[in-house]
């Protein structure tokens, strides 16, 4: 059911006939995001294009880290939008994506949480999914946004450096899942959440994010841009910045990698 490479027809079978998604599936790519960027810039691909690889040889997550993307096991997908909102809203799109992914996994029966800004964790705080967002803008106008998503679905084993920090939704549910069904659930939730985000911005889904938050109220470490901060995570502001309490004050942190305790 899931070891054969994903086909677009299998995913479309779970989607409504009027879906806006243009799905392109490949057995092997170096990176779905790299390929999608190519066809966006060179072939003028339309918004709501989804590129899926059964295996990636150079998948990457946030901060350029490699993403383990073996064949027949996960969902390695990149999505492209051509937004109508201005570039000031674009940075918080990664938080919207995290909500959409979490909702899709919940649709499949998986309880999960979100670690700021956009890692999807199991209840034991093992990573189920990583998200990477890239944007091209001219002034205030966003030309396109590409979102790379890697979801561990039927992975039974991980490399030694990941085995204590990663997990798969198949392991959590104790069964093998149909990857096409997971892909369709994600695309449905992305369509819904992108429409809401485009109309109202991140404040419209801030509570959805916070209701799944991992590490809020706890002592955390944030590896920021050129600095390391220690404090208590107090929540998010309307822009999606982490509110960190440290040195007797609460300040927004614009970007960084938040480290939480593994339960």
C-alpha atoms as a PDB file:
ATOM      1  CA  UNK A   1       0.000   0.000   0.000  1.00  0.00           C
ATOM      2  CA  UNK A   2       2.681   2.514   0.936  1.00  0.00           C
ATOM      3  CA  UNK A   3       6.012   1.149  -0.231  1.00  0.00           C
ATOM      4  CA  UNK A   4       5.212   1.817  -3.915  1.00  0.00           C
ATOM      5  CA  UNK A   5       6.052   5.360  -5.010  1.00  0.00           C
ATOM      6  CA  UNK A   6       3.280   7.886  -4.509  1.00  0.00           C
ATOM      7  CA  UNK A   7       1.247   8.757  -7.605  1.00  0.00           C
ATOM      8  CA  UNK A   8      -0.752  11.922  -8.148  1.00  0.00           C
ATOM      9  CA  UNK A   9      -3.848   9.905  -9.098  1.00  0.00           C
ATOM     10  CA  UNK A  10      -3.814   8.144  -5.719  1.00  0.00           C
ATOM     11  CA  UNK A  11      -3.784  11.495  -3.908  1.00  0.00           C
ATOM     12  CA  UNK A  12      -6.444  13.068  -6.144  1.00  0.00           C
ATOM     13  CA  UNK A  13      -8.710  10.118  -5.269  1.00  0.00           C
ATOM     14  CA  UNK A  14      -8.954  11.532  -1.725  1.00  0.00           C
ATOM     15  CA  UNK A  15      -9.504  15.133  -2.836  1.00  0.00           C
ATOM     16  CA  UNK A  16     -12.637  16.900  -4.119  1.00  0.00           C
ATOM     17  CA  UNK A  17     -12.961  17.319  -7.873  1.00  0.00           C
ATOM     18  CA  UNK A  18     -12.522  21.096  -7.621  1.00  0.00           C
ATOM     19  CA  UNK A  19      -9.260  20.967  -5.674  1.00  0.00           C
ATOM     20  CA  UNK A  20      -6.899  23.799  -6.673  1.00  0.00           C
ATOM     21  CA  UNK A  21      -3.784  21.656  -6.289  1.00  0.00           C
ATOM     22  CA  UNK A  22      -1.541  20.762  -9.229  1.00  0.00           C
ATOM     23  CA  UNK A  23       0.258  17.670  -7.896  1.00  0.00           C
ATOM     24  CA  UNK A  24       3.511  16.463  -9.427  1.00  0.00           C
ATOM     25  CA  UNK A  25       5.024  13.197  -8.123  1.00  0.00           C
ATOM     26  CA  UNK A  26       8.521  11.828  -8.706  1.00  0.00           C
ATOM     27  CA  UNK A  27      10.294   8.666  -7.658  1.00  0.00           C
ATOM     28  CA  UNK A  28      13.515  10.529  -6.869  1.00  0.00           C
ATOM     29  CA  UNK A  29      14.603  14.158  -6.542  1.00  0.00           C
ATOM     30  CA  UNK A  30      17.537  15.804  -4.858  1.00  0.00           C
ATOM     31  CA  UNK A  31      15.114  18.249  -3.191  1.00  0.00           C
ATOM     32  CA  UNK A  32      11.429  18.905  -3.794  1.00  0.00           C
ATOM     33  CA  UNK A  33      11.934  22.571  -2.898  1.00  0.00           C
ATOM     34  CA  UNK A  34      14.818  22.993  -5.340  1.00  0.00           C
ATOM     35  CA  UNK A  35      12.787  21.449  -8.144  1.00  0.00           C
ATOM     36  CA  UNK A  36       9.732  23.532  -7.284  1.00  0.00           C
ATOM     37  CA  UNK A  37      11.796  26.713  -7.233  1.00  0.00           C
ATOM     38  CA  UNK A  38      13.104  25.805 -10.698  1.00  0.00           C
ATOM     39  CA  UNK A  39       9.687  25.326 -12.266  1.00  0.00           C
ATOM     40  CA  UNK A  40       8.355  28.395 -10.469  1.00  0.00           C
ATOM     41  CA  UNK A  41      11.069  30.646 -11.891  1.00  0.00           C
ATOM     42  CA  UNK A  42      11.750  28.956 -15.225  1.00  0.00           C
ATOM     43  CA  UNK A  43       8.332  27.580 -16.185  1.00  0.00           C
ATOM     44  CA  UNK A  44       6.050  30.043 -14.361  1.00  0.00           C
ATOM     45  CA  UNK A  45       4.304  27.322 -12.351  1.00  0.00           C
ATOM     46  CA  UNK A  46       0.964  28.409 -10.938  1.00  0.00           C
ATOM     47  CA  UNK A  47       0.164  28.851  -7.273  1.00  0.00           C
ATOM     48  CA  UNK A  48      -1.067  25.755  -5.433  1.00  0.00           C
ATOM     49  CA  UNK A  49       1.585  23.569  -7.060  1.00  0.00           C
ATOM     50  CA  UNK A  50       2.679  20.565  -4.979  1.00  0.00           C
ATOM     51  CA  UNK A  51       5.846  18.587  -5.718  1.00  0.00           C
ATOM     52  CA  UNK A  52       6.312  15.202  -4.032  1.00  0.00           C
ATOM     53  CA  UNK A  53       9.318  12.883  -4.143  1.00  0.00           C
ATOM     54  CA  UNK A  54       9.229   9.293  -2.968  1.00  0.00           C
ATOM     55  CA  UNK A  55      12.863   9.801  -1.982  1.00  0.00           C
ATOM     56  CA  UNK A  56      15.112  12.849  -1.628  1.00  0.00           C
ATOM     57  CA  UNK A  57      18.891  12.704  -1.812  1.00  0.00           C
ATOM     58  CA  UNK A  58      19.457  16.268  -0.559  1.00  0.00           C
ATOM     59  CA  UNK A  59      16.370  17.115   1.458  1.00  0.00           C
ATOM     60  CA  UNK A  60      16.861  19.979   3.862  1.00  0.00           C
ATOM     61  CA  UNK A  61      15.069  21.408   6.855  1.00  0.00           C
ATOM     62  CA  UNK A  62      15.272  24.695   8.723  1.00  0.00           C
ATOM     63  CA  UNK A  63      18.671  26.402   8.869  1.00  0.00           C
ATOM     64  CA  UNK A  64      19.856  24.202   5.984  1.00  0.00           C
ATOM     65  CA  UNK A  65      19.993  21.039   8.062  1.00  0.00           C
ATOM     66  CA  UNK A  66      19.738  17.755   6.114  1.00  0.00           C
ATOM     67  CA  UNK A  67      16.408  15.930   6.276  1.00  0.00           C
ATOM     68  CA  UNK A  68      16.378  12.118   6.290  1.00  0.00           C
ATOM     69  CA  UNK A  69      14.084  11.242   3.348  1.00  0.00           C
ATOM     70  CA  UNK A  70      14.211   7.501   2.541  1.00  0.00           C
ATOM     71  CA  UNK A  71      12.075   5.902  -0.155  1.00  0.00           C
ATOM     72  CA  UNK A  72       8.641   4.487   0.570  1.00  0.00           C
ATOM     73  CA  UNK A  73       8.350   5.769   4.130  1.00  0.00           C
ATOM     74  CA  UNK A  74       7.338   9.411   4.472  1.00  0.00           C
ATOM     75  CA  UNK A  75       5.785  12.389   2.765  1.00  0.00           C
ATOM     76  CA  UNK A  76       8.447  14.640   1.275  1.00  0.00           C
ATOM     77  CA  UNK A  77       6.539  17.508  -0.268  1.00  0.00           C
ATOM     78  CA  UNK A  78       6.967  21.146  -1.243  1.00  0.00           C
ATOM     79  CA  UNK A  79       4.106  23.568  -1.874  1.00  0.00           C
ATOM     80  CA  UNK A  80       4.134  26.869  -3.737  1.00  0.00           C
ATOM     81  CA  UNK A  81       1.798  29.811  -3.303  1.00  0.00           C
ATOM     82  CA  UNK A  82       1.677  33.157  -5.092  1.00  0.00           C
ATOM     83  CA  UNK A  83       0.338  35.347  -2.278  1.00  0.00           C
ATOM     84  CA  UNK A  84      -1.683  38.522  -2.596  1.00  0.00           C
ATOM     85  CA  UNK A  85      -0.660  39.783   0.861  1.00  0.00           C
ATOM     86  CA  UNK A  86       2.433  41.947   1.336  1.00  0.00           C
ATOM     87  CA  UNK A  87       5.810  40.806   2.582  1.00  0.00           C
ATOM     88  CA  UNK A  88       5.240  42.008   6.167  1.00  0.00           C
ATOM     89  CA  UNK A  89       2.866  39.084   6.706  1.00  0.00           C
ATOM     90  CA  UNK A  90       5.027  36.444   5.026  1.00  0.00           C
ATOM     91  CA  UNK A  91       7.313  35.519   7.974  1.00  0.00           C
ATOM     92  CA  UNK A  92       4.392  34.196  10.033  1.00  0.00           C
ATOM     93  CA  UNK A  93       3.236  31.900   7.212  1.00  0.00           C
ATOM     94  CA  UNK A  94       5.466  29.183   8.703  1.00  0.00           C
ATOM     95  CA  UNK A  95       3.271  29.201  11.829  1.00  0.00           C
ATOM     96  CA  UNK A  96       0.153  28.799   9.706  1.00  0.00           C
ATOM     97  CA  UNK A  97       1.758  25.810   8.005  1.00  0.00           C
ATOM     98  CA  UNK A  98       2.516  24.224  11.380  1.00  0.00           C
ATOM     99  CA  UNK A  99      -1.158  24.505  12.352  1.00  0.00           C
ATOM    100  CA  UNK A 100      -2.251  22.952   9.049  1.00  0.00           C
ATOM    101  CA  UNK A 101       0.177  20.028   9.418  1.00  0.00           C
ATOM    102  CA  UNK A 102      -0.867  19.405  13.022  1.00  0.00           C
ATOM    103  CA  UNK A 103      -4.543  19.418  12.026  1.00  0.00           C
ATOM    104  CA  UNK A 104      -3.877  16.997   9.166  1.00  0.00           C
ATOM    105  CA  UNK A 105      -2.069  14.569  11.466  1.00  0.00           C
ATOM    106  CA  UNK A 106      -4.899  14.862  13.974  1.00  0.00           C
ATOM    107  CA  UNK A 107      -7.288  13.982  11.130  1.00  0.00           C
ATOM    108  CA  UNK A 108      -5.290  10.751  10.842  1.00  0.00           C
ATOM    109  CA  UNK A 109      -5.669  10.074  14.576  1.00  0.00           C
ATOM    110  CA  UNK A 110      -2.299  11.382  15.808  1.00  0.00           C
ATOM    111  CA  UNK A 111      -2.040  13.634  18.857  1.00  0.00           C
ATOM    112  CA  UNK A 112       0.762  16.131  18.312  1.00  0.00           C
ATOM    113  CA  UNK A 113       2.164  19.462  19.409  1.00  0.00           C
ATOM    114  CA  UNK A 114       3.990  22.412  17.836  1.00  0.00           C
ATOM    115  CA  UNK A 115       7.384  23.654  18.997  1.00  0.00           C
ATOM    116  CA  UNK A 116       8.093  27.238  17.991  1.00  0.00           C
ATOM    117  CA  UNK A 117       8.247  28.109  15.303  1.00  0.00           C
ATOM    118  CA  UNK A 118       7.116  25.102  13.320  1.00  0.00           C
ATOM    119  CA  UNK A 119       8.377  21.670  14.436  1.00  0.00           C
ATOM    120  CA  UNK A 120       5.668  19.031  14.902  1.00  0.00           C
ATOM    121  CA  UNK A 121       6.269  16.857  17.958  1.00  0.00           C
ATOM    122  CA  UNK A 122       4.776  13.641  19.321  1.00  0.00           C
ATOM    123  CA  UNK A 123       3.437  13.598  22.902  1.00  0.00           C
ATOM    124  CA  UNK A 124       6.898  12.304  23.933  1.00  0.00           C
ATOM    125  CA  UNK A 125       8.452  15.315  22.192  1.00  0.00           C
ATOM    126  CA  UNK A 126      10.001  13.427  19.331  1.00  0.00           C
ATOM    127  CA  UNK A 127      10.008  15.104  15.953  1.00  0.00           C
ATOM    128  CA  UNK A 128       7.370  13.916  13.482  1.00  0.00           C
ATOM    129  CA  UNK A 129       7.647  16.659  10.903  1.00  0.00           C
ATOM    130  CA  UNK A 130       9.895  19.505   9.853  1.00  0.00           C
ATOM    131  CA  UNK A 131       8.921  22.602   7.896  1.00  0.00           C
ATOM    132  CA  UNK A 132      11.034  25.026   5.880  1.00  0.00           C
ATOM    133  CA  UNK A 133       9.699  28.192   4.220  1.00  0.00           C
ATOM    134  CA  UNK A 134      11.393  30.259   1.536  1.00  0.00           C
ATOM    135  CA  UNK A 135      10.137  33.458  -0.060  1.00  0.00           C
ATOM    136  CA  UNK A 136      10.943  35.666  -3.034  1.00  0.00           C
ATOM    137  CA  UNK A 137       9.806  39.272  -2.809  1.00  0.00           C
ATOM    138  CA  UNK A 138      10.294  42.556  -4.634  1.00  0.00           C
ATOM    139  CA  UNK A 139       9.853  45.381  -2.143  1.00  0.00           C
ATOM    140  CA  UNK A 140       6.530  44.791  -0.395  1.00  0.00           C
ATOM    141  CA  UNK A 141       5.253  42.396  -3.068  1.00  0.00           C
ATOM    142  CA  UNK A 142       5.681  38.658  -2.511  1.00  0.00           C
ATOM    143  CA  UNK A 143       6.306  36.862  -5.790  1.00  0.00           C
ATOM    144  CA  UNK A 144       6.051  33.372  -4.344  1.00  0.00           C
ATOM    145  CA  UNK A 145       6.441  31.315  -1.181  1.00  0.00           C
ATOM    146  CA  UNK A 146       7.766  27.742  -1.206  1.00  0.00           C
ATOM    147  CA  UNK A 147       7.066  25.536   1.803  1.00  0.00           C
ATOM    148  CA  UNK A 148       9.009  22.316   2.245  1.00  0.00           C
ATOM    149  CA  UNK A 149       7.431  19.717   4.530  1.00  0.00           C
ATOM    150  CA  UNK A 150       8.820  16.364   5.622  1.00  0.00           C
ATOM    151  CA  UNK A 151       6.488  14.034   7.549  1.00  0.00           C
ATOM    152  CA  UNK A 152       7.706  10.727   8.991  1.00  0.00           C
ATOM    153  CA  UNK A 153       4.837   8.341   8.247  1.00  0.00           C
ATOM    154  CA  UNK A 154       5.878   4.703   8.053  1.00  0.00           C
ATOM    155  CA  UNK A 155       9.520   5.057   9.081  1.00  0.00           C
ATOM    156  CA  UNK A 156      10.441   2.080  11.259  1.00  0.00           C
ATOM    157  CA  UNK A 157      14.053   3.056  11.856  1.00  0.00           C
ATOM    158  CA  UNK A 158      16.162   6.191  11.901  1.00  0.00           C
ATOM    159  CA  UNK A 159      19.900   6.892  11.664  1.00  0.00           C
ATOM    160  CA  UNK A 160      21.705   6.775  15.031  1.00  0.00           C
ATOM    161  CA  UNK A 161      21.813  10.562  15.303  1.00  0.00           C
ATOM    162  CA  UNK A 162      17.992  10.711  15.011  1.00  0.00           C
ATOM    163  CA  UNK A 163      16.772   7.585  16.774  1.00  0.00           C
ATOM    164  CA  UNK A 164      16.302   9.330  20.141  1.00  0.00           C
ATOM    165  CA  UNK A 165      14.751  12.530  18.791  1.00  0.00           C
ATOM    166  CA  UNK A 166      12.538  11.436  15.876  1.00  0.00           C
ATOM    167  CA  UNK A 167       9.440   9.263  15.474  1.00  0.00           C
ATOM    168  CA  UNK A 168       6.800   8.453  12.869  1.00  0.00           C
ATOM    169  CA  UNK A 169       3.027   8.613  12.936  1.00  0.00           C
ATOM    170  CA  UNK A 170       2.861   4.952  11.938  1.00  0.00           C
ATOM    171  CA  UNK A 171       4.843   4.024  15.048  1.00  0.00           C
ATOM    172  CA  UNK A 172       2.528   6.117  17.215  1.00  0.00           C
ATOM    173  CA  UNK A 173      -0.609   4.513  15.768  1.00  0.00           C
ATOM    174  CA  UNK A 174       0.856   1.013  15.599  1.00  0.00           C
ATOM    175  CA  UNK A 175      -0.030   0.545  11.958  1.00  0.00           C
ATOM    176  CA  UNK A 176       1.069   1.377   8.437  1.00  0.00           C
ATOM    177  CA  UNK A 177      -0.720   4.319   6.862  1.00  0.00           C
ATOM    178  CA  UNK A 178      -1.671   5.104   3.283  1.00  0.00           C
ATOM    179  CA  UNK A 179       0.708   7.935   2.405  1.00  0.00           C
ATOM    180  CA  UNK A 180      -1.649   9.198  -0.309  1.00  0.00           C
ATOM    181  CA  UNK A 181      -4.363   9.683   2.304  1.00  0.00           C
ATOM    182  CA  UNK A 182      -1.956  11.615   4.545  1.00  0.00           C
ATOM    183  CA  UNK A 183      -0.918  13.788   1.594  1.00  0.00           C
ATOM    184  CA  UNK A 184      -4.541  14.554   0.763  1.00  0.00           C
ATOM    185  CA  UNK A 185      -5.340  15.420   4.388  1.00  0.00           C
ATOM    186  CA  UNK A 186      -2.403  17.846   4.394  1.00  0.00           C
ATOM    187  CA  UNK A 187      -3.419  19.493   1.117  1.00  0.00           C
ATOM    188  CA  UNK A 188      -6.997  19.987   2.335  1.00  0.00           C
ATOM    189  CA  UNK A 189      -5.846  21.611   5.566  1.00  0.00           C
ATOM    190  CA  UNK A 190      -3.301  23.761   3.743  1.00  0.00           C
ATOM    191  CA  UNK A 191      -5.964  25.069   1.381  1.00  0.00           C
ATOM    192  CA  UNK A 192      -8.289  25.951   4.286  1.00  0.00           C
ATOM    193  CA  UNK A 193      -5.630  27.574   6.444  1.00  0.00           C
ATOM    194  CA  UNK A 194      -4.016  29.487   3.595  1.00  0.00           C
ATOM    195  CA  UNK A 195      -7.376  31.055   2.754  1.00  0.00           C
ATOM    196  CA  UNK A 196      -7.876  32.122   6.382  1.00  0.00           C
ATOM    197  CA  UNK A 197      -4.298  33.397   6.687  1.00  0.00           C
ATOM    198  CA  UNK A 198      -4.576  35.361   3.448  1.00  0.00           C
ATOM    199  CA  UNK A 199      -7.810  37.011   4.586  1.00  0.00           C
ATOM    200  CA  UNK A 200      -7.052  37.700   8.263  1.00  0.00           C
ATOM    201  CA  UNK A 201      -3.382  36.987   8.957  1.00  0.00           C
ATOM    202  CA  UNK A 202      -1.827  35.007  11.795  1.00  0.00           C
ATOM    203  CA  UNK A 203      -4.006  36.476  14.599  1.00  0.00           C
ATOM    204  CA  UNK A 204      -6.927  34.441  13.189  1.00  0.00           C
ATOM    205  CA  UNK A 205      -5.095  31.193  13.974  1.00  0.00           C
ATOM    206  CA  UNK A 206      -2.958  32.213  16.918  1.00  0.00           C
ATOM    207  CA  UNK A 207      -5.163  30.304  19.389  1.00  0.00           C
ATOM    208  CA  UNK A 208      -5.033  27.188  17.192  1.00  0.00           C
ATOM    209  CA  UNK A 209      -1.239  27.371  17.368  1.00  0.00           C
ATOM    210  CA  UNK A 210      -1.152  28.028  21.120  1.00  0.00           C
ATOM    211  CA  UNK A 211      -3.560  25.178  21.879  1.00  0.00           C
ATOM    212  CA  UNK A 212      -0.896  22.774  20.549  1.00  0.00           C
ATOM    213  CA  UNK A 213       2.168  24.626  21.844  1.00  0.00           C
ATOM    214  CA  UNK A 214       5.094  22.682  23.293  1.00  0.00           C
ATOM    215  CA  UNK A 215       7.244  24.403  25.883  1.00  0.00           C
ATOM    216  CA  UNK A 216       5.036  27.352  26.822  1.00  0.00           C
ATOM    217  CA  UNK A 217       5.527  28.185  30.509  1.00  0.00           C
ATOM    218  CA  UNK A 218       8.791  26.244  30.592  1.00  0.00           C
ATOM    219  CA  UNK A 219      12.445  27.192  30.788  1.00  0.00           C
ATOM    220  CA  UNK A 220      13.810  27.143  27.236  1.00  0.00           C
ATOM    221  CA  UNK A 221      16.920  27.980  25.262  1.00  0.00           C
ATOM    222  CA  UNK A 222      16.645  29.932  22.009  1.00  0.00           C
ATOM    223  CA  UNK A 223      19.520  29.925  19.564  1.00  0.00           C
ATOM    224  CA  UNK A 224      18.795  33.244  17.905  1.00  0.00           C
ATOM    225  CA  UNK A 225      20.506  35.316  15.257  1.00  0.00           C
ATOM    226  CA  UNK A 226      23.926  35.955  16.715  1.00  0.00           C
ATOM    227  CA  UNK A 227      22.851  35.319  20.307  1.00  0.00           C
ATOM    228  CA  UNK A 228      21.661  32.605  22.690  1.00  0.00           C
ATOM    229  CA  UNK A 229      18.810  33.422  25.061  1.00  0.00           C
ATOM    230  CA  UNK A 230      17.589  31.563  28.144  1.00  0.00           C
ATOM    231  CA  UNK A 231      14.221  32.250  29.708  1.00  0.00           C
ATOM    232  CA  UNK A 232      10.615  31.170  30.115  1.00  0.00           C
ATOM    233  CA  UNK A 233       8.470  30.884  26.979  1.00  0.00           C
ATOM    234  CA  UNK A 234       5.314  32.929  27.614  1.00  0.00           C
ATOM    235  CA  UNK A 235       3.435  32.613  24.326  1.00  0.00           C
ATOM    236  CA  UNK A 236       3.207  34.352  20.957  1.00  0.00           C
ATOM    237  CA  UNK A 237       2.312  37.879  19.936  1.00  0.00           C
ATOM    238  CA  UNK A 238       0.060  38.635  16.955  1.00  0.00           C
ATOM    239  CA  UNK A 239       3.053  38.492  14.604  1.00  0.00           C
ATOM    240  CA  UNK A 240       4.052  34.993  15.716  1.00  0.00           C
ATOM    241  CA  UNK A 241       7.116  36.149  17.651  1.00  0.00           C
ATOM    242  CA  UNK A 242       7.969  34.155  20.771  1.00  0.00           C
ATOM    243  CA  UNK A 243       7.427  36.104  23.998  1.00  0.00           C
ATOM    244  CA  UNK A 244      10.395  35.215  26.188  1.00  0.00           C
ATOM    245  CA  UNK A 245      10.700  36.205  29.834  1.00  0.00           C
ATOM    246  CA  UNK A 246      14.304  36.851  30.838  1.00  0.00           C
ATOM    247  CA  UNK A 247      16.245  39.394  32.886  1.00  0.00           C
ATOM    248  CA  UNK A 248      13.016  40.547  34.525  1.00  0.00           C
ATOM    249  CA  UNK A 249      11.243  41.467  31.290  1.00  0.00           C
ATOM    250  CA  UNK A 250       9.186  39.866  28.512  1.00  0.00           C
ATOM    251  CA  UNK A 251      10.505  40.535  25.017  1.00  0.00           C
ATOM    252  CA  UNK A 252       9.512  39.236  21.560  1.00  0.00           C
ATOM    253  CA  UNK A 253      12.065  36.998  19.832  1.00  0.00           C
ATOM    254  CA  UNK A 254      11.767  37.343  16.073  1.00  0.00           C
ATOM    255  CA  UNK A 255      13.505  34.146  14.984  1.00  0.00           C
ATOM    256  CA  UNK A 256      15.533  31.275  16.333  1.00  0.00           C
ATOM    257  CA  UNK A 257      15.702  27.605  17.196  1.00  0.00           C
ATOM    258  CA  UNK A 258      13.964  26.864  20.505  1.00  0.00           C
ATOM    259  CA  UNK A 259      15.267  23.982  22.606  1.00  0.00           C
ATOM    260  CA  UNK A 260      12.860  22.314  25.041  1.00  0.00           C
ATOM    261  CA  UNK A 261      13.224  19.433  27.484  1.00  0.00           C
ATOM    262  CA  UNK A 262      12.531  15.997  26.050  1.00  0.00           C
ATOM    263  CA  UNK A 263       9.890  14.322  28.189  1.00  0.00           C
END
